[in-house]
Amino acid sequence: MKMLKAEILPWAYMLNAVAFILHEMDAVFWKEWELFGIASEYLGLIVFILAHVPLFLVVFYGMMNLGKKSGLAISLVMGVFGMVHFVLHAAIGRDYFVTPFSSGLVNAVFVISAVQLYFTVRRIKETRNPAV
């Protein structure tokens, strides 16, 4: 059973990364940069895309390093952020992501983030107390 639990976190992490990437691709359609006050479509697109380069590098680094504290820390942040992200969309993004596909991606990120967070916390506890 311990082996099965060890295999779930990398898959949850990867699935969440894919769901986030799909959501961010969808965010281009919805011009999500407008939520941050960038009115220019061209400038907004450039800023939005370039802002994701360091974010995705950190996400991929974390995925490659789940056996280290740094990877688990990134996984923890990613799990929490995915759940907060859902709340933010509900609170300030009411006119965005209103299609079933778009809202489905936001909902999927929330659910997968919860799973990722659960298994990340378990992995952190196991590394602190290997007898668990």
Protein backbone atom coordinates (compact mmCIF):
# COMPACT_ATOMS: atom_id res chain seq x y z
CA MET A 1 0.00 0.00 0.00
CA LYS A 2 2.88 2.37 0.76
CA MET A 3 4.17 1.96 -2.81
CA LEU A 4 0.77 2.90 -4.24
CA LYS A 5 0.67 6.09 -2.14
CA ALA A 6 4.18 6.94 -3.30
CA GLU A 7 3.05 6.73 -6.92
CA ILE A 8 -0.05 8.93 -6.56
CA LEU A 9 1.72 12.22 -5.79
CA PRO A 10 3.77 12.42 -9.02
CA TRP A 11 0.68 11.60 -11.08
CA ALA A 12 -1.50 14.10 -9.18
CA TYR A 13 1.22 16.73 -9.62
CA MET A 14 1.54 16.05 -13.36
CA LEU A 15 -2.23 15.99 -13.88
CA ASN A 16 -2.59 19.27 -11.98
CA ALA A 17 0.21 20.86 -14.02
CA VAL A 18 -1.58 19.82 -17.22
CA ALA A 19 -4.93 21.12 -15.92
CA PHE A 20 -3.30 24.44 -14.97
CA ILE A 21 -1.63 24.74 -18.38
CA LEU A 22 -4.92 24.01 -20.17
CA HIS A 23 -6.66 26.58 -17.98
CA GLU A 24 -3.99 29.17 -18.76
CA MET A 25 -4.31 28.42 -22.48
CA ASP A 26 -8.06 28.97 -22.09
CA ALA A 27 -7.31 32.18 -20.17
CA VAL A 28 -5.83 33.65 -23.34
CA PHE A 29 -9.24 33.30 -25.01
CA TRP A 30 -10.88 35.07 -22.05
CA LYS A 31 -8.20 37.80 -21.99
CA GLU A 32 -7.55 37.20 -18.30
CA TRP A 33 -5.01 40.03 -18.24
CA GLU A 34 -7.98 42.41 -18.18
CA LEU A 35 -8.61 41.25 -14.59
CA PHE A 36 -5.22 42.79 -13.75
CA GLY A 37 -6.05 46.12 -15.40
CA ILE A 38 -4.13 45.66 -18.66
CA ALA A 39 -6.42 47.11 -21.32
CA SER A 40 -4.19 46.69 -24.36
CA GLU A 41 -4.87 43.33 -25.97
CA TYR A 42 -1.40 43.05 -27.52
CA LEU A 43 0.49 44.17 -24.41
CA GLY A 44 -1.76 42.01 -22.22
CA LEU A 45 -1.06 38.94 -24.33
CA ILE A 46 2.70 39.49 -24.21
CA VAL A 47 2.77 40.15 -20.45
CA PHE A 48 0.46 37.21 -19.77
CA ILE A 49 2.52 34.74 -21.80
CA LEU A 50 5.91 35.95 -20.53
CA ALA A 51 4.71 35.91 -16.91
CA HIS A 52 4.03 32.20 -17.29
CA VAL A 53 7.59 31.31 -18.33
CA PRO A 54 9.05 31.50 -14.78
CA LEU A 55 5.88 30.02 -13.30
CA PHE A 56 6.02 26.97 -15.55
CA LEU A 57 9.76 26.57 -14.94
CA VAL A 58 9.09 26.45 -11.19
CA VAL A 59 6.22 23.98 -11.68
CA PHE A 60 8.38 21.70 -13.84
CA TYR A 61 11.30 21.98 -11.42
CA GLY A 62 9.00 20.92 -8.59
CA MET A 63 7.71 17.96 -10.58
CA MET A 64 11.27 16.78 -11.26
CA ASN A 65 12.25 17.16 -7.59
CA LEU A 66 9.40 15.63 -5.59
CA GLY A 67 11.97 13.56 -3.73
CA LYS A 68 13.52 16.75 -2.30
CA LYS A 69 12.25 19.37 0.13
CA SER A 70 12.20 21.99 -2.63
CA GLY A 71 9.93 19.86 -4.83
CA LEU A 72 7.58 19.11 -1.95
CA ALA A 73 7.45 22.81 -1.05
CA ILE A 74 6.49 23.69 -4.61
CA SER A 75 3.90 20.90 -4.62
CA LEU A 76 2.45 22.26 -1.37
CA VAL A 77 2.24 25.80 -2.78
CA MET A 78 0.76 24.50 -6.02
CA GLY A 79 -1.93 22.52 -4.18
CA VAL A 80 -2.91 25.48 -1.99
CA PHE A 81 -2.80 27.90 -4.92
CA GLY A 82 -5.06 25.66 -7.03
CA MET A 83 -7.71 25.77 -4.34
CA VAL A 84 -7.33 29.53 -3.72
CA HIS A 85 -7.39 30.03 -7.50
CA PHE A 86 -10.88 28.48 -7.59
CA VAL A 87 -12.09 30.91 -4.91
CA LEU A 88 -10.56 33.88 -6.74
CA HIS A 89 -12.33 32.93 -9.95
CA ALA A 90 -15.61 32.64 -8.08
CA ALA A 91 -15.08 36.02 -6.41
CA ILE A 92 -13.63 38.25 -9.14
CA GLY A 93 -13.86 36.33 -12.39
CA ARG A 94 -17.63 36.05 -12.76
CA ASP A 95 -17.68 37.23 -16.37
CA TYR A 96 -14.80 34.98 -17.35
CA PHE A 97 -14.62 31.22 -17.87
CA VAL A 98 -18.39 30.88 -18.10
CA THR A 99 -18.53 28.09 -20.69
CA PRO A 100 -18.89 24.52 -19.40
CA PHE A 101 -15.41 23.67 -20.69
CA SER A 102 -13.76 26.69 -19.09
CA SER A 103 -15.50 26.34 -15.74
CA GLY A 104 -14.84 22.61 -15.89
CA LEU A 105 -11.09 23.30 -16.11
CA VAL A 106 -11.24 25.64 -13.11
CA ASN A 107 -13.21 23.02 -11.17
CA ALA A 108 -10.78 20.28 -12.21
CA VAL A 109 -7.83 22.34 -10.97
CA PHE A 110 -9.58 22.68 -7.60
CA VAL A 111 -10.26 18.95 -7.23
CA ILE A 112 -6.84 17.84 -8.46
CA SER A 113 -5.17 20.46 -6.26
CA ALA A 114 -6.97 19.04 -3.22
CA VAL A 115 -5.70 15.55 -4.09
CA GLN A 116 -2.19 16.85 -4.72
CA LEU A 117 -2.23 18.79 -1.45
CA TYR A 118 -3.39 15.74 0.51
CA PHE A 119 -0.66 13.49 -0.86
CA THR A 120 1.98 16.21 -0.54
CA VAL A 121 1.17 16.66 3.15
CA ARG A 122 1.29 12.89 3.63
CA ARG A 123 4.68 12.71 1.90
CA ILE A 124 6.02 15.56 4.06
CA LYS A 125 4.83 13.79 7.20
CA GLU A 126 6.41 10.53 6.05
CA THR A 127 9.75 12.23 5.43
CA ARG A 128 9.67 13.77 8.91
CA ASN A 129 8.62 10.51 10.57
CA PRO A 130 9.51 7.50 8.39
CA ALA A 131 7.66 5.11 10.74
CA VAL A 132 4.27 6.55 9.67
